[in-house]
């Protein structure tokens, strides 16, 4: 899979860690790649990976350009990552999954998973198909109150949605999934920091899917 390239100086560490998170709700696996450095650089790039059973210590994984580095989510509910080695680009291979069966995937789509430092705030405009579409978004502590979030101008607490707390990096986050019918443009308004994805099933067929990231900011070093 083609991966984005983020250049850095050899052995330069980030002042604040590159941190990313996602659940297995629409995710089969994640692909990660190391930063781009000069050919004579022998730096080892590492990433700490956490999950719902270990959100403190995690385990270290070496990220190399020699072979593909993947993180499987078929055996875990969620994951989070942290690295000071540099910006570690991450892609989600997404699918429609009928849990608890996490092995049978219906349709595939791929998109980048931004770092928390690249999440957006305020209003986001996005589009969906006429039916079988969902919005999935992750928000920090300032953006998880459903009475302060609006979808198409309506307070989120007036919708039927699912919500899960996520605790990583000694902070609280929220994960929302909301079915959103209606072809065309929609809006999400949130005063906190968040990242928003759109996922649709039964696209052009019963075993097909589509999904995309609505937008993100470019991280400032």
N, C-alpha and C. Protein backbone atom coordinates (compact mmCIF):
# COMPACT_ATOMS: atom_id res chain seq x y z
N UNK A 1 0.84 -1.20 0.00
CA UNK A 1 0.00 0.00 0.00
C UNK A 1 0.88 1.24 0.00
N UNK A 2 0.65 2.20 -0.90
CA UNK A 2 1.43 3.44 -0.89
C UNK A 2 1.23 4.17 0.44
N UNK A 3 2.31 4.67 1.01
CA UNK A 3 2.25 5.35 2.29
C UNK A 3 2.81 6.76 2.15
N UNK A 4 2.28 7.71 2.91
CA UNK A 4 2.83 9.06 2.88
C UNK A 4 4.24 9.09 3.46
N UNK A 5 5.03 10.06 3.04
CA UNK A 5 6.40 10.18 3.50
C UNK A 5 6.53 11.47 4.31
N UNK A 6 7.04 11.35 5.53
CA UNK A 6 7.28 12.51 6.39
C UNK A 6 8.77 12.55 6.70
N UNK A 7 9.46 13.56 6.20
CA UNK A 7 10.91 13.64 6.35
C UNK A 7 11.29 14.19 7.72
N UNK A 8 12.47 13.78 8.20
CA UNK A 8 13.01 14.30 9.46
C UNK A 8 14.53 14.16 9.43
N UNK A 9 15.19 14.87 10.35
CA UNK A 9 16.63 14.76 10.49
C UNK A 9 16.97 13.52 11.31
N UNK A 10 18.06 12.89 10.96
CA UNK A 10 18.47 11.66 11.64
C UNK A 10 18.65 11.91 13.14
N UNK A 11 18.06 11.03 13.95
CA UNK A 11 18.16 11.03 15.41
C UNK A 11 17.52 12.23 16.08
N UNK A 12 16.76 13.03 15.35
CA UNK A 12 15.99 14.10 15.97
C UNK A 12 14.70 13.51 16.55
N UNK A 13 14.45 13.78 17.83
CA UNK A 13 13.24 13.29 18.48
C UNK A 13 12.18 14.39 18.53
N UNK A 14 10.93 13.98 18.55
CA UNK A 14 9.83 14.93 18.68
C UNK A 14 9.77 15.48 20.10
N UNK A 15 9.41 16.75 20.23
CA UNK A 15 9.23 17.34 21.55
C UNK A 15 7.97 16.79 22.21
N UNK A 16 6.89 16.65 21.43
CA UNK A 16 5.67 16.00 21.91
C UNK A 16 5.40 14.79 21.03
N UNK A 17 4.98 13.69 21.63
CA UNK A 17 4.87 12.42 20.93
C UNK A 17 3.84 12.45 19.82
N UNK A 18 4.09 11.64 18.79
CA UNK A 18 3.11 11.38 17.74
C UNK A 18 2.14 10.34 18.29
N UNK A 19 0.87 10.71 18.47
CA UNK A 19 -0.11 9.85 19.12
C UNK A 19 -1.33 9.65 18.23
N UNK A 20 -1.75 8.39 18.08
CA UNK A 20 -2.91 8.06 17.24
C UNK A 20 -3.73 6.99 17.92
N UNK A 21 -5.03 6.95 17.61
CA UNK A 21 -5.91 5.95 18.21
C UNK A 21 -7.04 5.59 17.26
N UNK A 22 -7.55 4.36 17.43
CA UNK A 22 -8.67 3.91 16.61
C UNK A 22 -9.24 2.64 17.25
N UNK A 23 -10.49 2.31 16.92
CA UNK A 23 -11.11 1.09 17.41
C UNK A 23 -11.24 0.08 16.27
N UNK A 24 -11.75 -1.10 16.60
CA UNK A 24 -11.90 -2.14 15.58
C UNK A 24 -13.28 -2.13 14.93
N UNK A 25 -14.11 -1.12 15.21
CA UNK A 25 -15.49 -1.14 14.71
C UNK A 25 -15.56 -1.23 13.19
N UNK A 26 -14.73 -0.49 12.50
CA UNK A 26 -14.68 -0.54 11.04
C UNK A 26 -13.26 -0.81 10.56
N UNK A 27 -12.46 -1.47 11.39
CA UNK A 27 -11.04 -1.61 11.11
C UNK A 27 -10.61 -3.07 11.10
N UNK A 28 -9.92 -3.49 10.04
CA UNK A 28 -9.32 -4.82 9.99
C UNK A 28 -7.89 -4.77 10.49
N UNK A 29 -7.10 -3.87 9.93
CA UNK A 29 -5.71 -3.72 10.37
C UNK A 29 -5.23 -2.32 10.04
N UNK A 30 -4.06 -1.99 10.59
CA UNK A 30 -3.42 -0.70 10.35
C UNK A 30 -2.05 -0.94 9.72
N UNK A 31 -1.69 -0.07 8.80
CA UNK A 31 -0.37 -0.10 8.19
C UNK A 31 0.39 1.14 8.65
N UNK A 32 1.62 0.95 9.06
CA UNK A 32 2.44 2.07 9.53
C UNK A 32 3.77 2.07 8.78
N UNK A 33 4.37 3.25 8.67
CA UNK A 33 5.66 3.37 7.99
C UNK A 33 6.52 4.36 8.75
N UNK A 34 7.84 4.22 8.68
CA UNK A 34 8.74 5.10 9.42
C UNK A 34 8.90 6.45 8.74
N UNK A 35 9.46 7.43 9.44
CA UNK A 35 9.79 8.71 8.80
C UNK A 35 10.87 8.50 7.73
N UNK A 36 11.00 9.46 6.85
CA UNK A 36 12.02 9.41 5.81
C UNK A 36 13.28 10.13 6.30
N UNK A 37 14.41 9.44 6.24
CA UNK A 37 15.69 10.02 6.65
C UNK A 37 16.73 9.76 5.57
N UNK A 38 17.89 10.39 5.68
CA UNK A 38 18.97 10.17 4.72
C UNK A 38 19.40 8.71 4.73
N UNK A 39 19.92 8.25 3.61
CA UNK A 39 20.26 6.84 3.44
C UNK A 39 21.35 6.37 4.40
N UNK A 40 22.19 7.28 4.90
CA UNK A 40 23.26 6.87 5.81
C UNK A 40 22.84 6.92 7.27
N UNK A 41 21.56 7.17 7.54
CA UNK A 41 21.07 7.23 8.92
C UNK A 41 20.74 5.82 9.40
N UNK A 42 21.25 5.45 10.57
CA UNK A 42 21.00 4.11 11.11
C UNK A 42 20.08 4.15 12.34
N UNK A 43 19.27 5.20 12.44
CA UNK A 43 18.36 5.34 13.57
C UNK A 43 17.32 4.22 13.57
N UNK A 44 16.98 3.74 14.77
CA UNK A 44 15.92 2.75 14.93
C UNK A 44 14.64 3.46 15.37
N UNK A 45 13.57 3.27 14.61
CA UNK A 45 12.30 3.92 14.90
C UNK A 45 11.41 2.97 15.69
N UNK A 46 10.92 3.44 16.82
CA UNK A 46 10.07 2.59 17.67
C UNK A 46 8.75 3.28 17.96
N UNK A 47 7.75 2.46 18.21
CA UNK A 47 6.41 2.93 18.54
C UNK A 47 5.89 2.09 19.70
N UNK A 48 5.26 2.74 20.67
CA UNK A 48 4.60 2.02 21.76
C UNK A 48 3.14 1.84 21.39
N UNK A 49 2.65 0.61 21.47
CA UNK A 49 1.28 0.29 21.11
C UNK A 49 0.51 -0.14 22.36
N UNK A 50 -0.61 0.52 22.59
CA UNK A 50 -1.47 0.23 23.73
C UNK A 50 -2.79 -0.37 23.24
N UNK A 51 -3.51 -1.02 24.15
CA UNK A 51 -4.86 -1.45 23.84
C UNK A 51 -5.71 -1.36 25.10
N UNK A 52 -6.95 -1.87 25.02
CA UNK A 52 -7.88 -1.71 26.14
C UNK A 52 -7.43 -2.47 27.39
N UNK A 53 -6.56 -3.46 27.22
CA UNK A 53 -6.08 -4.24 28.37
C UNK A 53 -4.78 -3.69 28.94
N UNK A 54 -4.12 -2.82 28.23
CA UNK A 54 -2.86 -2.23 28.68
C UNK A 54 -2.74 -0.83 28.10
N UNK A 55 -3.24 0.14 28.84
CA UNK A 55 -3.20 1.52 28.35
C UNK A 55 -2.14 2.36 29.07
N UNK A 56 -1.20 1.67 29.75
CA UNK A 56 -0.16 2.38 30.49
C UNK A 56 1.23 2.05 29.96
N UNK A 57 1.59 0.77 30.01
CA UNK A 57 2.95 0.37 29.60
C UNK A 57 3.04 0.10 28.11
N UNK A 58 2.07 -0.63 27.55
CA UNK A 58 2.09 -0.98 26.14
C UNK A 58 3.25 -1.88 25.79
N UNK A 59 3.44 -2.11 24.49
CA UNK A 59 4.61 -2.86 24.04
C UNK A 59 5.28 -2.12 22.90
N UNK A 60 6.60 -2.25 22.82
CA UNK A 60 7.39 -1.53 21.83
C UNK A 60 7.44 -2.33 20.52
N UNK A 61 7.27 -1.62 19.42
CA UNK A 61 7.38 -2.24 18.10
C UNK A 61 8.33 -1.41 17.25
N UNK A 62 9.25 -2.09 16.60
CA UNK A 62 10.19 -1.42 15.70
C UNK A 62 9.52 -1.22 14.35
N UNK A 63 9.58 0.00 13.83
CA UNK A 63 8.99 0.33 12.53
C UNK A 63 10.13 0.48 11.53
N UNK A 64 10.11 -0.35 10.49
CA UNK A 64 11.20 -0.35 9.52
C UNK A 64 10.66 -0.19 8.11
N UNK A 65 11.49 0.37 7.24
CA UNK A 65 11.11 0.54 5.84
C UNK A 65 11.41 -0.71 5.02
N UNK A 66 12.10 -1.68 5.63
CA UNK A 66 12.49 -2.89 4.90
C UNK A 66 11.28 -3.75 4.59
N UNK A 67 10.34 -3.82 5.53
CA UNK A 67 9.14 -4.63 5.33
C UNK A 67 7.93 -3.87 5.87
N UNK A 68 6.77 -4.34 5.48
CA UNK A 68 5.54 -3.69 5.92
C UNK A 68 5.30 -3.93 7.40
N UNK A 69 4.94 -2.88 8.13
CA UNK A 69 4.61 -3.00 9.54
C UNK A 69 3.09 -2.87 9.68
N UNK A 70 2.48 -3.86 10.29
CA UNK A 70 1.03 -3.86 10.44
C UNK A 70 0.64 -4.05 11.89
N UNK A 71 -0.53 -3.57 12.23
CA UNK A 71 -1.13 -3.76 13.55
C UNK A 71 -2.50 -4.36 13.32
N UNK A 72 -2.69 -5.60 13.74
CA UNK A 72 -3.96 -6.28 13.55
C UNK A 72 -4.95 -5.87 14.64
N UNK A 73 -6.20 -5.65 14.24
CA UNK A 73 -7.24 -5.33 15.22
C UNK A 73 -8.31 -6.42 15.30
N UNK A 74 -8.05 -7.57 14.70
CA UNK A 74 -9.01 -8.66 14.79
C UNK A 74 -9.04 -9.28 16.18
N UNK A 75 -7.99 -9.04 16.97
CA UNK A 75 -7.92 -9.64 18.31
C UNK A 75 -7.98 -8.60 19.42
N UNK A 76 -8.33 -7.36 19.11
CA UNK A 76 -8.44 -6.33 20.13
C UNK A 76 -9.54 -5.36 19.76
N UNK A 77 -10.11 -4.69 20.77
CA UNK A 77 -11.22 -3.77 20.54
C UNK A 77 -10.76 -2.40 20.09
N UNK A 78 -9.58 -2.00 20.53
CA UNK A 78 -9.08 -0.67 20.21
C UNK A 78 -7.58 -0.64 20.37
N UNK A 79 -6.96 0.39 19.85
CA UNK A 79 -5.52 0.56 20.02
C UNK A 79 -5.17 2.04 20.03
N UNK A 80 -4.03 2.33 20.62
CA UNK A 80 -3.46 3.67 20.57
C UNK A 80 -1.95 3.51 20.42
N UNK A 81 -1.32 4.50 19.81
CA UNK A 81 0.12 4.42 19.60
C UNK A 81 0.78 5.73 20.02
N UNK A 82 2.06 5.63 20.32
CA UNK A 82 2.83 6.81 20.72
C UNK A 82 4.27 6.63 20.28
N UNK A 83 4.86 7.68 19.72
CA UNK A 83 6.25 7.60 19.28
C UNK A 83 6.90 8.97 19.34
N UNK A 84 8.14 9.00 19.84
CA UNK A 84 8.97 10.20 19.80
C UNK A 84 9.97 10.15 18.65
N UNK A 85 9.99 9.02 17.92
CA UNK A 85 10.96 8.85 16.84
C UNK A 85 10.70 9.78 15.66
N UNK A 86 9.48 10.27 15.56
CA UNK A 86 9.08 11.12 14.44
C UNK A 86 7.62 10.88 14.14
N UNK A 87 7.12 11.55 13.12
CA UNK A 87 5.75 11.31 12.70
C UNK A 87 5.69 9.96 11.98
N UNK A 88 4.86 9.06 12.49
CA UNK A 88 4.73 7.71 11.97
C UNK A 88 3.42 7.61 11.20
N UNK A 89 3.43 7.76 9.88
CA UNK A 89 2.18 7.69 9.11
C UNK A 89 1.45 6.37 9.33
N UNK A 90 0.13 6.45 9.44
CA UNK A 90 -0.69 5.27 9.71
C UNK A 90 -1.90 5.27 8.78
N UNK A 91 -2.17 4.12 8.18
CA UNK A 91 -3.34 3.95 7.32
C UNK A 91 -4.25 2.89 7.91
N UNK A 92 -5.55 3.13 7.84
CA UNK A 92 -6.52 2.11 8.23
C UNK A 92 -6.99 1.34 7.00
N UNK A 93 -6.94 0.02 7.07
CA UNK A 93 -7.65 -0.83 6.12
C UNK A 93 -9.00 -1.09 6.75
N UNK A 94 -10.02 -0.42 6.24
CA UNK A 94 -11.34 -0.49 6.83
C UNK A 94 -12.24 -1.50 6.15
N UNK A 95 -13.21 -2.01 6.91
CA UNK A 95 -14.18 -2.97 6.40
C UNK A 95 -15.44 -2.87 7.25
N UNK A 96 -16.51 -3.46 6.74
CA UNK A 96 -17.72 -3.64 7.53
C UNK A 96 -17.60 -4.99 8.22
N UNK A 97 -17.65 -4.98 9.54
CA UNK A 97 -17.48 -6.19 10.34
C UNK A 97 -18.73 -6.41 11.18
N UNK A 98 -19.15 -7.66 11.26
CA UNK A 98 -20.30 -8.01 12.09
C UNK A 98 -19.80 -8.69 13.35
N UNK A 99 -19.44 -7.88 14.34
CA UNK A 99 -18.90 -8.42 15.58
C UNK A 99 -19.96 -9.25 16.30
N UNK A 100 -19.57 -10.36 16.99
CA UNK A 100 -18.20 -10.69 17.40
C UNK A 100 -17.34 -11.37 16.33
N UNK A 101 -17.88 -11.62 15.15
CA UNK A 101 -17.06 -12.16 14.06
C UNK A 101 -16.18 -11.04 13.52
N UNK A 102 -14.89 -11.09 13.86
CA UNK A 102 -13.97 -10.04 13.42
C UNK A 102 -13.09 -10.51 12.27
N UNK A 103 -13.37 -11.70 11.73
CA UNK A 103 -12.55 -12.25 10.66
C UNK A 103 -13.20 -12.09 9.29
N UNK A 104 -14.54 -12.06 9.24
CA UNK A 104 -15.24 -11.91 7.97
C UNK A 104 -15.48 -10.44 7.69
N UNK A 105 -14.83 -9.92 6.66
CA UNK A 105 -14.91 -8.50 6.33
C UNK A 105 -15.69 -8.31 5.03
N UNK A 106 -16.58 -7.32 5.02
CA UNK A 106 -17.39 -7.03 3.84
C UNK A 106 -16.94 -5.69 3.26
N UNK A 107 -16.28 -5.76 2.10
CA UNK A 107 -15.80 -4.55 1.46
C UNK A 107 -14.54 -4.02 2.14
N UNK A 108 -13.81 -3.18 1.41
CA UNK A 108 -12.58 -2.60 1.95
C UNK A 108 -12.45 -1.15 1.52
N UNK A 109 -11.85 -0.36 2.38
CA UNK A 109 -11.49 1.01 2.05
C UNK A 109 -10.25 1.36 2.86
N UNK A 110 -9.57 2.40 2.47
CA UNK A 110 -8.33 2.78 3.15
C UNK A 110 -8.24 4.29 3.26
N UNK A 111 -7.72 4.76 4.37
CA UNK A 111 -7.48 6.19 4.55
C UNK A 111 -6.47 6.39 5.66
N UNK A 112 -5.88 7.56 5.71
CA UNK A 112 -4.90 7.88 6.73
C UNK A 112 -5.59 8.05 8.08
N UNK A 113 -4.87 7.73 9.15
CA UNK A 113 -5.33 7.97 10.52
C UNK A 113 -4.47 9.09 11.09
N UNK A 114 -5.01 10.29 11.22
CA UNK A 114 -4.20 11.43 11.69
C UNK A 114 -3.80 11.27 13.16
N UNK A 115 -2.74 11.94 13.53
CA UNK A 115 -2.36 11.98 14.94
C UNK A 115 -3.30 12.91 15.70
N UNK A 116 -3.35 12.74 17.01
CA UNK A 116 -4.19 13.59 17.85
C UNK A 116 -3.82 15.06 17.67
N UNK A 117 -2.54 15.32 17.43
CA UNK A 117 -2.07 16.69 17.24
C UNK A 117 -2.59 17.30 15.94
N UNK A 118 -3.21 16.48 15.09
CA UNK A 118 -3.74 16.95 13.80
C UNK A 118 -5.26 17.00 13.77
N UNK A 119 -5.90 16.70 14.88
CA UNK A 119 -7.36 16.75 14.93
C UNK A 119 -7.85 18.18 14.71
N UNK A 120 -9.10 18.30 14.32
CA UNK A 120 -9.69 19.60 14.00
C UNK A 120 -10.64 20.03 15.11
N UNK A 121 -11.16 21.24 15.00
CA UNK A 121 -12.17 21.75 15.92
C UNK A 121 -13.15 22.63 15.14
N UNK A 122 -14.33 22.84 15.71
CA UNK A 122 -15.33 23.68 15.05
C UNK A 122 -16.25 22.88 14.15
N UNK A 123 -16.59 23.45 12.98
CA UNK A 123 -17.56 22.84 12.06
C UNK A 123 -16.86 22.13 10.91
N UNK A 124 -17.32 20.91 10.60
CA UNK A 124 -16.84 20.14 9.46
C UNK A 124 -18.01 19.82 8.55
N UNK A 125 -17.84 20.03 7.26
CA UNK A 125 -18.85 19.68 6.27
C UNK A 125 -18.42 18.41 5.56
N UNK A 126 -19.36 17.49 5.35
CA UNK A 126 -19.04 16.22 4.72
C UNK A 126 -20.26 15.71 3.97
N UNK A 127 -20.09 14.67 3.17
CA UNK A 127 -21.20 14.13 2.38
C UNK A 127 -21.36 12.64 2.62
N UNK A 128 -22.60 12.15 2.45
CA UNK A 128 -22.90 10.73 2.59
C UNK A 128 -23.78 10.29 1.43
N UNK A 129 -23.92 8.97 1.31
CA UNK A 129 -24.86 8.40 0.36
C UNK A 129 -26.26 8.42 0.97
N UNK A 130 -27.25 7.94 0.23
CA UNK A 130 -28.64 8.05 0.67
C UNK A 130 -28.94 7.21 1.90
N UNK A 131 -28.28 6.05 2.05
CA UNK A 131 -28.57 5.18 3.18
C UNK A 131 -27.35 4.32 3.49
N UNK A 132 -27.42 3.62 4.64
CA UNK A 132 -26.37 2.70 5.09
C UNK A 132 -25.04 3.41 5.34
N UNK A 133 -25.09 4.67 5.77
CA UNK A 133 -23.87 5.40 6.08
C UNK A 133 -23.81 5.75 7.56
N UNK A 134 -22.60 5.82 8.07
CA UNK A 134 -22.35 6.14 9.47
C UNK A 134 -21.28 7.22 9.55
N UNK A 135 -21.35 8.01 10.60
CA UNK A 135 -20.21 8.85 10.93
C UNK A 135 -19.57 8.27 12.19
N UNK A 136 -18.27 8.28 12.21
CA UNK A 136 -17.49 7.80 13.34
C UNK A 136 -16.52 8.91 13.70
N UNK A 137 -16.55 9.35 14.96
CA UNK A 137 -15.60 10.39 15.33
C UNK A 137 -15.06 10.16 16.74
N UNK A 138 -13.83 10.62 16.91
CA UNK A 138 -13.10 10.54 18.17
C UNK A 138 -12.88 11.96 18.65
N UNK A 139 -13.05 12.19 19.95
CA UNK A 139 -12.92 13.54 20.48
C UNK A 139 -12.19 13.52 21.81
N UNK A 140 -11.54 14.65 22.13
CA UNK A 140 -10.88 14.75 23.42
C UNK A 140 -11.89 15.12 24.50
N UNK A 141 -11.41 15.31 25.72
CA UNK A 141 -12.29 15.56 26.86
C UNK A 141 -13.19 16.77 26.65
N UNK A 142 -12.70 17.76 25.91
CA UNK A 142 -13.49 18.97 25.68
C UNK A 142 -14.57 18.78 24.62
N UNK A 143 -14.58 17.61 23.96
CA UNK A 143 -15.51 17.43 22.85
C UNK A 143 -16.40 16.22 22.96
N UNK A 144 -16.65 15.72 24.19
CA UNK A 144 -17.44 14.50 24.32
C UNK A 144 -18.82 14.72 24.96
N UNK A 145 -19.17 15.95 25.29
CA UNK A 145 -20.49 16.23 25.85
C UNK A 145 -21.50 16.27 24.70
N UNK A 146 -22.44 15.30 24.63
CA UNK A 146 -23.38 15.26 23.49
C UNK A 146 -24.30 16.46 23.42
N UNK A 147 -24.47 17.18 24.53
CA UNK A 147 -25.32 18.37 24.51
C UNK A 147 -24.61 19.57 23.87
N UNK A 148 -23.30 19.44 23.65
CA UNK A 148 -22.53 20.53 23.05
C UNK A 148 -22.07 20.19 21.64
N UNK A 149 -22.52 19.05 21.11
CA UNK A 149 -22.17 18.62 19.75
C UNK A 149 -23.42 18.68 18.89
N UNK A 150 -23.28 19.18 17.67
CA UNK A 150 -24.41 19.26 16.75
C UNK A 150 -24.11 18.52 15.45
N UNK A 151 -25.10 17.77 14.98
CA UNK A 151 -25.05 17.13 13.66
C UNK A 151 -26.20 17.68 12.84
N UNK A 152 -25.89 18.31 11.74
CA UNK A 152 -26.90 18.97 10.90
C UNK A 152 -27.72 19.97 11.71
N UNK A 153 -27.06 20.65 12.65
CA UNK A 153 -27.71 21.67 13.45
C UNK A 153 -28.54 21.15 14.60
N UNK A 154 -28.59 19.83 14.79
CA UNK A 154 -29.38 19.21 15.86
C UNK A 154 -28.43 18.67 16.93
N UNK A 155 -28.75 18.91 18.19
CA UNK A 155 -27.90 18.45 19.29
C UNK A 155 -27.78 16.93 19.25
N UNK A 156 -26.57 16.44 19.42
CA UNK A 156 -26.30 15.01 19.28
C UNK A 156 -27.13 14.16 20.24
N UNK A 157 -27.42 14.67 21.42
CA UNK A 157 -28.18 13.88 22.40
C UNK A 157 -29.60 13.57 21.92
N UNK A 158 -30.06 14.23 20.85
CA UNK A 158 -31.37 13.93 20.28
C UNK A 158 -31.32 12.78 19.28
N UNK A 159 -30.12 12.31 18.95
CA UNK A 159 -29.94 11.19 18.03
C UNK A 159 -29.74 9.90 18.83
N UNK A 160 -29.87 8.77 18.12
CA UNK A 160 -29.49 7.48 18.68
C UNK A 160 -28.07 7.18 18.21
N UNK A 161 -27.15 7.03 19.13
CA UNK A 161 -25.74 6.83 18.78
C UNK A 161 -25.10 5.91 19.82
N UNK A 162 -23.92 5.40 19.50
CA UNK A 162 -23.15 4.63 20.46
C UNK A 162 -21.95 5.45 20.90
N UNK A 163 -21.54 5.25 22.15
CA UNK A 163 -20.43 6.01 22.71
C UNK A 163 -19.59 5.11 23.60
N UNK A 164 -18.28 5.25 23.48
CA UNK A 164 -17.35 4.52 24.35
C UNK A 164 -16.25 5.45 24.82
N UNK A 165 -15.92 5.34 26.10
CA UNK A 165 -14.77 6.08 26.64
C UNK A 165 -13.48 5.37 26.22
N UNK A 166 -12.46 6.16 25.98
CA UNK A 166 -11.12 5.63 25.71
C UNK A 166 -10.14 6.39 26.60
N UNK A 167 -9.29 5.66 27.30
CA UNK A 167 -8.35 6.27 28.24
C UNK A 167 -6.92 5.95 27.81
N UNK A 168 -6.24 6.96 27.29
CA UNK A 168 -4.85 6.81 26.87
C UNK A 168 -4.09 8.10 27.16
N UNK A 169 -2.78 7.96 27.34
CA UNK A 169 -1.89 9.11 27.56
C UNK A 169 -2.31 9.91 28.80
N UNK A 170 -2.91 9.21 29.79
CA UNK A 170 -3.38 9.82 31.03
C UNK A 170 -4.47 10.85 30.78
N UNK A 171 -5.24 10.64 29.71
CA UNK A 171 -6.34 11.54 29.36
C UNK A 171 -7.56 10.73 28.96
N UNK A 172 -8.71 11.39 28.91
CA UNK A 172 -9.97 10.76 28.51
C UNK A 172 -10.36 11.21 27.11
N UNK A 173 -10.82 10.25 26.32
CA UNK A 173 -11.31 10.53 24.97
C UNK A 173 -12.65 9.83 24.78
N UNK A 174 -13.36 10.21 23.73
CA UNK A 174 -14.64 9.58 23.43
C UNK A 174 -14.70 9.12 22.00
N UNK A 175 -15.41 8.00 21.77
CA UNK A 175 -15.60 7.44 20.44
C UNK A 175 -17.09 7.33 20.17
N UNK A 176 -17.55 7.98 19.10
CA UNK A 176 -18.97 8.02 18.75
C UNK A 176 -19.20 7.36 17.40
N UNK A 177 -20.33 6.64 17.26
CA UNK A 177 -20.79 6.13 15.97
C UNK A 177 -22.27 6.47 15.85
N UNK A 178 -22.62 7.05 14.71
CA UNK A 178 -23.99 7.50 14.48
C UNK A 178 -24.41 7.16 13.06
N UNK A 179 -25.53 6.43 12.91
CA UNK A 179 -26.09 6.19 11.58
C UNK A 179 -26.70 7.49 11.07
N UNK A 180 -26.38 7.85 9.83
CA UNK A 180 -26.81 9.15 9.31
C UNK A 180 -27.35 8.99 7.89
N UNK A 181 -28.66 8.77 7.74
CA UNK A 181 -29.25 8.65 6.40
C UNK A 181 -29.41 10.01 5.75
N UNK A 182 -29.59 9.99 4.44
CA UNK A 182 -29.82 11.24 3.71
C UNK A 182 -28.68 11.59 2.79
N UNK A 183 -28.92 11.48 1.50
CA UNK A 183 -27.88 11.78 0.51
C UNK A 183 -27.52 13.26 0.52
N UNK A 184 -26.22 13.55 0.41
CA UNK A 184 -25.81 14.95 0.27
C UNK A 184 -24.91 15.43 1.39
N UNK A 185 -24.94 16.74 1.60
CA UNK A 185 -24.04 17.39 2.54
C UNK A 185 -24.61 17.38 3.96
N UNK A 186 -23.72 17.22 4.93
CA UNK A 186 -24.06 17.27 6.35
C UNK A 186 -23.00 18.09 7.07
N UNK A 187 -23.26 18.40 8.33
CA UNK A 187 -22.27 19.12 9.13
C UNK A 187 -22.16 18.52 10.53
N UNK A 188 -20.98 18.61 11.09
CA UNK A 188 -20.72 18.26 12.49
C UNK A 188 -20.08 19.47 13.13
N UNK A 189 -20.60 19.87 14.30
CA UNK A 189 -20.04 20.99 15.05
C UNK A 189 -19.62 20.50 16.43
N UNK A 190 -18.38 20.79 16.79
CA UNK A 190 -17.83 20.33 18.06
C UNK A 190 -16.77 21.32 18.51
N UNK A 191 -16.90 21.83 19.73
CA UNK A 191 -15.95 22.80 20.24
C UNK A 191 -14.66 22.20 20.74
N UNK A 192 -14.62 20.86 20.87
CA UNK A 192 -13.39 20.20 21.26
C UNK A 192 -12.54 19.85 20.06
N UNK A 193 -11.52 19.05 20.28
CA UNK A 193 -10.68 18.56 19.19
C UNK A 193 -11.17 17.17 18.80
N UNK A 194 -11.30 16.93 17.50
CA UNK A 194 -11.87 15.66 17.05
C UNK A 194 -11.37 15.29 15.67
N UNK A 195 -11.60 14.02 15.31
CA UNK A 195 -11.35 13.55 13.95
C UNK A 195 -12.59 12.78 13.52
N UNK A 196 -13.01 12.99 12.27
CA UNK A 196 -14.28 12.46 11.78
C UNK A 196 -14.07 11.61 10.53
N UNK A 197 -14.71 10.42 10.54
CA UNK A 197 -14.69 9.52 9.39
C UNK A 197 -16.13 9.24 8.95
N UNK A 198 -16.30 8.98 7.66
CA UNK A 198 -17.58 8.56 7.10
C UNK A 198 -17.41 7.15 6.56
N UNK A 199 -18.32 6.24 6.93
CA UNK A 199 -18.26 4.85 6.48
C UNK A 199 -19.63 4.46 5.95
N UNK A 200 -19.67 3.87 4.75
CA UNK A 200 -20.93 3.42 4.14
C UNK A 200 -20.81 1.96 3.75
N UNK A 201 -21.88 1.19 4.00
CA UNK A 201 -21.89 -0.22 3.61
C UNK A 201 -22.87 -0.43 2.46
N UNK A 202 -22.80 -1.62 1.84
CA UNK A 202 -23.65 -1.98 0.69
C UNK A 202 -23.50 -0.96 -0.44
N UNK A 203 -22.28 -0.53 -0.71
CA UNK A 203 -22.03 0.44 -1.77
C UNK A 203 -21.83 -0.31 -3.09
N UNK A 204 -22.71 -0.11 -4.04
CA UNK A 204 -22.66 -0.80 -5.34
C UNK A 204 -22.79 -2.32 -5.22
N UNK A 205 -23.20 -2.81 -4.07
CA UNK A 205 -23.37 -4.25 -3.90
C UNK A 205 -23.41 -4.60 -2.42
N UNK A 206 -23.95 -5.77 -2.08
CA UNK A 206 -24.12 -6.15 -0.67
C UNK A 206 -22.81 -6.39 0.07
N UNK A 207 -21.73 -6.66 -0.66
CA UNK A 207 -20.45 -6.97 -0.02
C UNK A 207 -19.39 -5.91 -0.30
N UNK A 208 -19.83 -4.69 -0.50
CA UNK A 208 -18.90 -3.60 -0.80
C UNK A 208 -19.05 -2.51 0.26
N UNK A 209 -18.02 -1.68 0.39
CA UNK A 209 -18.03 -0.62 1.39
C UNK A 209 -17.19 0.55 0.90
N UNK A 210 -17.39 1.69 1.53
CA UNK A 210 -16.60 2.89 1.23
C UNK A 210 -16.42 3.67 2.52
N UNK A 211 -15.29 4.34 2.63
CA UNK A 211 -15.05 5.15 3.81
C UNK A 211 -13.97 6.18 3.54
N UNK A 212 -14.03 7.29 4.28
CA UNK A 212 -13.02 8.32 4.08
C UNK A 212 -12.87 9.19 5.33
N UNK A 213 -11.74 9.84 5.41
CA UNK A 213 -11.43 10.82 6.45
C UNK A 213 -11.90 12.18 5.95
N UNK A 214 -12.63 12.93 6.80
CA UNK A 214 -13.19 14.20 6.34
C UNK A 214 -12.17 15.33 6.31
N UNK A 215 -11.10 15.24 7.10
CA UNK A 215 -10.09 16.29 7.08
C UNK A 215 -9.24 16.28 8.34
N UNK A 216 -8.10 16.94 8.26
CA UNK A 216 -7.22 17.05 9.43
C UNK A 216 -6.26 18.21 9.22
N UNK A 217 -5.64 18.65 10.29
CA UNK A 217 -4.66 19.73 10.24
C UNK A 217 -3.26 19.16 10.04
N UNK A 218 -2.38 19.96 9.49
CA UNK A 218 -0.99 19.55 9.38
C UNK A 218 -0.27 19.85 10.68
N UNK A 219 0.37 18.84 11.22
CA UNK A 219 1.06 19.01 12.50
C UNK A 219 2.20 20.01 12.38
N UNK A 220 2.31 20.85 13.41
CA UNK A 220 3.44 21.76 13.51
C UNK A 220 4.44 21.16 14.48
N UNK A 221 5.70 21.12 14.09
CA UNK A 221 6.72 20.50 14.94
C UNK A 221 6.84 21.22 16.27
